[in-house]
């Protein structure tokens, strides 16, 4: 294993990943996968939260997207160069206190039951 491989594997904030794991551990049908250079958590086979570098990624109800962007530390997810409505990134400033952290996890869990799953590749 090369040093560059190890660096790439550890490119996301492990402390934030562990905070998320601890918060969601009671949920059923959980999985996690390393992808996009980060870590994604899946609930019911659907991505709902993740860690990219030092930020938390959340899949939320698109109807709540504009309001979410007004919250401290929240900004658009520009993974493809364009805003992805329904996906937001939350910086550390929006995750410092437990209430804010739980708010974002709650939004993602809530929307997961209505979100469509990605089509499986054959």
N, C-alpha and C. Protein backbone atom coordinates (compact mmCIF):
# COMPACT_ATOMS: atom_id res chain seq x y z
N UNK A 1 0.84 -1.18 0.00
CA UNK A 1 0.00 0.00 0.00
C UNK A 1 0.89 1.24 0.00
N UNK A 2 0.59 2.16 -0.88
CA UNK A 2 1.41 3.36 -0.96
C UNK A 2 0.89 4.42 -0.01
N UNK A 3 1.75 5.39 0.29
CA UNK A 3 1.37 6.49 1.16
C UNK A 3 0.23 7.29 0.55
N UNK A 4 0.24 7.52 -0.77
CA UNK A 4 -0.83 8.29 -1.41
C UNK A 4 -2.15 7.56 -1.28
N UNK A 5 -2.14 6.22 -1.36
CA UNK A 5 -3.37 5.45 -1.18
C UNK A 5 -3.92 5.64 0.23
N UNK A 6 -3.06 5.57 1.22
CA UNK A 6 -3.48 5.76 2.60
C UNK A 6 -4.05 7.16 2.81
N UNK A 7 -3.41 8.16 2.22
CA UNK A 7 -3.91 9.52 2.36
C UNK A 7 -5.30 9.64 1.76
N UNK A 8 -5.50 9.06 0.57
CA UNK A 8 -6.80 9.12 -0.08
C UNK A 8 -7.86 8.42 0.75
N UNK A 9 -7.52 7.28 1.30
CA UNK A 9 -8.48 6.53 2.11
C UNK A 9 -8.91 7.31 3.35
N UNK A 10 -8.05 8.16 3.89
CA UNK A 10 -8.33 8.88 5.12
C UNK A 10 -8.66 10.35 4.86
N UNK A 11 -9.13 10.67 3.66
CA UNK A 11 -9.33 12.06 3.27
C UNK A 11 -10.54 12.71 3.94
N UNK A 12 -11.35 11.94 4.62
CA UNK A 12 -12.51 12.54 5.29
C UNK A 12 -12.29 12.57 6.80
N UNK A 13 -13.02 13.43 7.46
CA UNK A 13 -12.89 13.66 8.90
C UNK A 13 -13.42 12.44 9.68
N UNK A 14 -12.51 11.68 10.26
CA UNK A 14 -12.87 10.48 11.01
C UNK A 14 -13.67 10.79 12.27
N UNK A 15 -13.38 11.92 12.90
CA UNK A 15 -14.11 12.30 14.12
C UNK A 15 -15.57 12.57 13.78
N UNK A 16 -15.81 13.29 12.68
CA UNK A 16 -17.18 13.56 12.25
C UNK A 16 -17.88 12.26 11.87
N UNK A 17 -17.19 11.38 11.18
CA UNK A 17 -17.76 10.08 10.81
C UNK A 17 -18.18 9.31 12.06
N UNK A 18 -17.36 9.33 13.09
CA UNK A 18 -17.70 8.63 14.33
C UNK A 18 -18.87 9.29 15.06
N UNK A 19 -18.97 10.61 15.00
CA UNK A 19 -20.12 11.31 15.59
C UNK A 19 -21.41 10.85 14.91
N UNK A 20 -21.35 10.74 13.59
CA UNK A 20 -22.54 10.29 12.84
C UNK A 20 -22.86 8.86 13.20
N UNK A 21 -21.86 7.98 13.21
CA UNK A 21 -22.10 6.57 13.56
C UNK A 21 -22.79 6.45 14.92
N UNK A 22 -22.28 7.20 15.88
CA UNK A 22 -22.85 7.15 17.23
C UNK A 22 -24.31 7.61 17.23
N UNK A 23 -24.60 8.63 16.47
CA UNK A 23 -25.96 9.18 16.44
C UNK A 23 -26.96 8.26 15.76
N UNK A 24 -26.52 7.51 14.74
CA UNK A 24 -27.45 6.71 13.95
C UNK A 24 -27.41 5.22 14.28
N UNK A 25 -26.63 4.83 15.24
CA UNK A 25 -26.39 3.41 15.51
C UNK A 25 -27.66 2.61 15.82
N UNK A 26 -28.70 3.26 16.31
CA UNK A 26 -29.93 2.55 16.65
C UNK A 26 -30.84 2.30 15.45
N UNK A 27 -30.56 2.95 14.33
CA UNK A 27 -31.39 2.78 13.14
C UNK A 27 -31.16 1.41 12.53
N UNK A 28 -32.18 0.87 11.92
CA UNK A 28 -32.07 -0.42 11.25
C UNK A 28 -31.79 -0.20 9.77
N UNK A 29 -31.27 -1.22 9.12
CA UNK A 29 -30.97 -1.21 7.69
C UNK A 29 -29.95 -0.15 7.32
N UNK A 30 -28.90 -0.07 8.11
CA UNK A 30 -27.80 0.88 7.87
C UNK A 30 -26.65 0.21 7.14
N UNK A 31 -25.97 1.00 6.36
CA UNK A 31 -24.76 0.54 5.71
C UNK A 31 -23.87 1.77 5.51
N UNK A 32 -22.61 1.57 5.31
CA UNK A 32 -21.72 2.68 5.00
C UNK A 32 -20.76 2.25 3.92
N UNK A 33 -20.44 3.21 3.05
CA UNK A 33 -19.55 2.94 1.93
C UNK A 33 -18.64 4.12 1.72
N UNK A 34 -17.39 3.83 1.42
CA UNK A 34 -16.47 4.88 1.04
C UNK A 34 -16.68 5.15 -0.44
N UNK A 35 -16.98 6.39 -0.76
CA UNK A 35 -17.15 6.80 -2.15
C UNK A 35 -16.96 8.30 -2.26
N UNK A 36 -16.64 8.77 -3.44
CA UNK A 36 -16.42 10.19 -3.71
C UNK A 36 -15.27 10.75 -2.87
N UNK A 37 -14.36 9.92 -2.42
CA UNK A 37 -13.28 10.37 -1.57
C UNK A 37 -13.74 10.65 -0.15
N UNK A 38 -14.94 10.24 0.17
CA UNK A 38 -15.50 10.44 1.50
C UNK A 38 -16.18 9.18 1.97
N UNK A 39 -17.10 9.35 2.90
CA UNK A 39 -17.84 8.24 3.48
C UNK A 39 -19.32 8.55 3.40
N UNK A 40 -20.09 7.61 2.88
CA UNK A 40 -21.54 7.78 2.78
C UNK A 40 -22.23 6.75 3.66
N UNK A 41 -23.27 7.20 4.33
CA UNK A 41 -24.10 6.31 5.12
C UNK A 41 -25.40 6.10 4.37
N UNK A 42 -25.83 4.85 4.33
CA UNK A 42 -27.06 4.49 3.65
C UNK A 42 -28.07 3.98 4.65
N UNK A 43 -29.29 4.40 4.48
CA UNK A 43 -30.42 3.94 5.30
C UNK A 43 -31.45 3.41 4.32
N UNK A 44 -31.87 2.17 4.49
CA UNK A 44 -32.82 1.55 3.56
C UNK A 44 -32.28 1.57 2.13
N UNK A 45 -30.98 1.32 1.98
CA UNK A 45 -30.30 1.29 0.69
C UNK A 45 -30.29 2.64 -0.04
N UNK A 46 -30.46 3.74 0.70
CA UNK A 46 -30.44 5.09 0.11
C UNK A 46 -29.47 5.96 0.88
N UNK A 47 -28.61 6.68 0.15
CA UNK A 47 -27.70 7.61 0.81
C UNK A 47 -28.52 8.67 1.52
N UNK A 48 -28.12 8.98 2.76
CA UNK A 48 -28.85 10.02 3.48
C UNK A 48 -27.94 10.99 4.19
N UNK A 49 -26.74 10.58 4.51
CA UNK A 49 -25.79 11.46 5.18
C UNK A 49 -24.39 10.94 4.87
N UNK A 50 -23.42 11.83 4.97
CA UNK A 50 -22.06 11.41 4.70
C UNK A 50 -21.05 12.45 5.14
N UNK A 51 -19.79 12.13 4.90
CA UNK A 51 -18.70 13.03 5.26
C UNK A 51 -17.81 13.19 4.02
N UNK A 52 -17.61 14.42 3.62
CA UNK A 52 -16.68 14.75 2.56
C UNK A 52 -15.72 15.77 3.14
N UNK A 53 -14.46 15.40 3.21
CA UNK A 53 -13.42 16.19 3.86
C UNK A 53 -13.85 16.48 5.29
N UNK A 54 -14.09 17.76 5.64
CA UNK A 54 -14.48 18.12 7.01
C UNK A 54 -15.94 18.55 7.11
N UNK A 55 -16.74 18.21 6.12
CA UNK A 55 -18.14 18.63 6.12
C UNK A 55 -19.08 17.44 6.10
N UNK A 56 -20.27 17.67 6.65
CA UNK A 56 -21.31 16.65 6.62
C UNK A 56 -22.22 16.92 5.44
N UNK A 57 -22.51 15.89 4.70
CA UNK A 57 -23.41 15.96 3.56
C UNK A 57 -24.74 15.37 4.02
N UNK A 58 -25.85 16.04 3.69
CA UNK A 58 -27.17 15.54 4.06
C UNK A 58 -28.12 15.60 2.87
N UNK A 59 -28.90 14.55 2.72
CA UNK A 59 -29.97 14.52 1.73
C UNK A 59 -31.24 14.89 2.46
N UNK A 60 -31.82 16.02 2.07
CA UNK A 60 -33.01 16.52 2.76
C UNK A 60 -34.15 16.72 1.76
N UNK A 61 -35.32 16.95 2.29
CA UNK A 61 -36.50 17.21 1.47
C UNK A 61 -36.24 18.45 0.61
N UNK A 62 -36.34 18.33 -0.72
CA UNK A 62 -36.12 19.51 -1.57
C UNK A 62 -37.03 20.69 -1.22
N UNK A 63 -38.18 20.43 -0.64
CA UNK A 63 -39.08 21.51 -0.23
C UNK A 63 -38.49 22.32 0.93
N UNK A 64 -37.56 21.75 1.66
CA UNK A 64 -36.93 22.43 2.80
C UNK A 64 -35.54 22.97 2.46
N UNK A 65 -35.13 22.78 1.22
CA UNK A 65 -33.79 23.12 0.76
C UNK A 65 -33.45 24.60 0.96
N UNK A 66 -34.29 25.50 0.50
CA UNK A 66 -34.01 26.94 0.59
C UNK A 66 -33.91 27.39 2.04
N UNK A 67 -34.81 26.90 2.90
CA UNK A 67 -34.75 27.26 4.32
C UNK A 67 -33.47 26.72 4.96
N UNK A 68 -33.08 25.52 4.57
CA UNK A 68 -31.86 24.91 5.13
C UNK A 68 -30.63 25.75 4.81
N UNK A 69 -30.59 26.31 3.61
CA UNK A 69 -29.43 27.09 3.20
C UNK A 69 -29.26 28.36 4.04
N UNK A 70 -30.29 28.77 4.76
CA UNK A 70 -30.22 29.94 5.63
C UNK A 70 -29.57 29.63 6.98
N UNK A 71 -29.43 28.36 7.31
CA UNK A 71 -28.87 27.95 8.59
C UNK A 71 -27.36 28.14 8.62
N UNK A 72 -26.84 28.42 9.79
CA UNK A 72 -25.40 28.60 9.98
C UNK A 72 -24.62 27.39 9.48
N UNK A 73 -23.62 27.65 8.66
CA UNK A 73 -22.71 26.60 8.21
C UNK A 73 -23.21 25.77 7.04
N UNK A 74 -24.42 26.02 6.57
CA UNK A 74 -24.99 25.21 5.49
C UNK A 74 -24.77 25.90 4.15
N UNK A 75 -24.42 25.10 3.14
CA UNK A 75 -24.30 25.62 1.79
C UNK A 75 -24.67 24.54 0.79
N UNK A 76 -24.82 24.96 -0.45
CA UNK A 76 -25.20 24.04 -1.52
C UNK A 76 -24.13 22.97 -1.71
N UNK A 77 -24.58 21.83 -2.15
CA UNK A 77 -23.65 20.78 -2.54
C UNK A 77 -23.40 20.97 -4.03
N UNK A 78 -22.16 21.22 -4.38
CA UNK A 78 -21.78 21.48 -5.77
C UNK A 78 -20.88 20.37 -6.30
N UNK A 79 -21.24 19.15 -6.05
CA UNK A 79 -20.37 18.02 -6.39
C UNK A 79 -20.14 17.92 -7.89
N UNK A 80 -21.14 18.23 -8.69
CA UNK A 80 -21.01 18.14 -10.14
C UNK A 80 -20.75 19.51 -10.77
N UNK A 81 -20.52 20.53 -9.94
CA UNK A 81 -20.34 21.88 -10.45
C UNK A 81 -21.63 22.68 -10.47
N UNK A 82 -22.75 22.00 -10.27
CA UNK A 82 -24.05 22.64 -10.21
C UNK A 82 -24.69 22.29 -8.86
N UNK A 83 -25.53 23.21 -8.33
CA UNK A 83 -26.20 22.88 -7.07
C UNK A 83 -27.07 21.63 -7.22
N UNK A 84 -27.01 20.77 -6.23
CA UNK A 84 -27.83 19.56 -6.23
C UNK A 84 -28.96 19.78 -5.23
N UNK A 85 -30.13 20.18 -5.73
CA UNK A 85 -31.25 20.49 -4.85
C UNK A 85 -31.62 19.25 -4.03
N UNK A 86 -31.75 19.47 -2.75
CA UNK A 86 -32.04 18.36 -1.84
C UNK A 86 -30.80 17.81 -1.15
N UNK A 87 -29.64 18.25 -1.59
CA UNK A 87 -28.38 17.85 -0.96
C UNK A 87 -27.69 19.10 -0.44
N UNK A 88 -27.29 19.08 0.81
CA UNK A 88 -26.60 20.23 1.41
C UNK A 88 -25.33 19.76 2.10
N UNK A 89 -24.42 20.70 2.25
CA UNK A 89 -23.18 20.46 2.98
C UNK A 89 -23.21 21.35 4.21
N UNK A 90 -22.78 20.80 5.34
CA UNK A 90 -22.76 21.57 6.58
C UNK A 90 -21.34 21.60 7.10
N UNK A 91 -20.83 22.82 7.25
CA UNK A 91 -19.48 23.05 7.77
C UNK A 91 -19.49 22.86 9.29
N UNK A 92 -18.30 22.80 9.84
CA UNK A 92 -18.15 22.62 11.29
C UNK A 92 -18.93 23.64 12.10
N UNK A 93 -19.01 24.88 11.62
CA UNK A 93 -19.72 25.93 12.37
C UNK A 93 -21.20 25.60 12.54
N UNK A 94 -21.76 24.79 11.67
CA UNK A 94 -23.16 24.39 11.79
C UNK A 94 -23.38 23.09 12.53
N UNK A 95 -22.28 22.50 13.05
CA UNK A 95 -22.37 21.20 13.72
C UNK A 95 -21.81 21.23 15.13
N UNK A 96 -21.40 22.40 15.59
CA UNK A 96 -20.71 22.49 16.88
C UNK A 96 -21.54 22.02 18.05
N UNK A 97 -22.80 22.48 18.13
CA UNK A 97 -23.58 22.04 19.29
C UNK A 97 -24.45 20.83 18.94
N UNK A 98 -24.78 20.07 19.93
CA UNK A 98 -25.51 18.81 19.75
C UNK A 98 -26.86 19.04 19.09
N UNK A 99 -27.54 20.12 19.45
CA UNK A 99 -28.85 20.40 18.87
C UNK A 99 -28.77 20.60 17.37
N UNK A 100 -27.78 21.34 16.90
CA UNK A 100 -27.63 21.57 15.47
C UNK A 100 -27.26 20.27 14.75
N UNK A 101 -26.35 19.53 15.33
CA UNK A 101 -25.93 18.25 14.74
C UNK A 101 -27.14 17.32 14.61
N UNK A 102 -27.93 17.21 15.67
CA UNK A 102 -29.11 16.34 15.66
C UNK A 102 -30.15 16.83 14.66
N UNK A 103 -30.27 18.15 14.49
CA UNK A 103 -31.21 18.73 13.54
C UNK A 103 -30.93 18.20 12.13
N UNK A 104 -29.67 18.26 11.71
CA UNK A 104 -29.31 17.83 10.36
C UNK A 104 -29.51 16.33 10.17
N UNK A 105 -29.10 15.54 11.15
CA UNK A 105 -29.30 14.09 11.07
C UNK A 105 -30.80 13.80 10.99
N UNK A 106 -31.59 14.48 11.80
CA UNK A 106 -33.04 14.29 11.81
C UNK A 106 -33.67 14.61 10.46
N UNK A 107 -33.25 15.72 9.83
CA UNK A 107 -33.79 16.06 8.51
C UNK A 107 -33.49 14.96 7.49
N UNK A 108 -32.27 14.45 7.53
CA UNK A 108 -31.87 13.42 6.58
C UNK A 108 -32.63 12.11 6.82
N UNK A 109 -32.79 11.72 8.07
CA UNK A 109 -33.52 10.49 8.40
C UNK A 109 -34.99 10.64 8.00
N UNK A 110 -35.56 11.80 8.31
CA UNK A 110 -36.97 12.06 7.99
C UNK A 110 -37.22 11.95 6.49
N UNK A 111 -36.37 12.55 5.70
CA UNK A 111 -36.58 12.53 4.25
C UNK A 111 -36.31 11.16 3.65
N UNK A 112 -35.47 10.37 4.26
CA UNK A 112 -35.09 9.07 3.71
C UNK A 112 -36.30 8.19 3.42
N UNK A 113 -37.32 8.26 4.25
CA UNK A 113 -38.49 7.39 4.03
C UNK A 113 -39.25 7.76 2.76
N UNK A 114 -39.06 8.98 2.25
CA UNK A 114 -39.74 9.44 1.04
C UNK A 114 -38.82 9.47 -0.18
N UNK A 115 -37.53 9.45 0.06
CA UNK A 115 -36.54 9.55 -1.04
C UNK A 115 -36.56 8.31 -1.92
N UNK A 116 -36.28 8.53 -3.19
CA UNK A 116 -36.18 7.42 -4.11
C UNK A 116 -34.78 6.85 -4.05
N UNK A 117 -34.70 5.54 -4.18
CA UNK A 117 -33.40 4.88 -4.19
C UNK A 117 -32.78 5.03 -5.58
N UNK A 118 -31.47 5.04 -5.62
CA UNK A 118 -30.76 5.08 -6.90
C UNK A 118 -30.99 3.77 -7.62
N UNK A 119 -30.99 3.85 -8.94
CA UNK A 119 -31.15 2.63 -9.73
C UNK A 119 -29.89 1.78 -9.59
N UNK A 120 -30.08 0.50 -9.41
CA UNK A 120 -28.96 -0.42 -9.27
C UNK A 120 -28.32 -0.66 -10.62
N UNK A 121 -26.97 -0.66 -10.63
CA UNK A 121 -26.25 -0.97 -11.87
C UNK A 121 -26.27 -2.47 -12.08
N UNK A 122 -26.42 -2.86 -13.33
CA UNK A 122 -26.46 -4.30 -13.65
C UNK A 122 -25.09 -4.80 -14.00
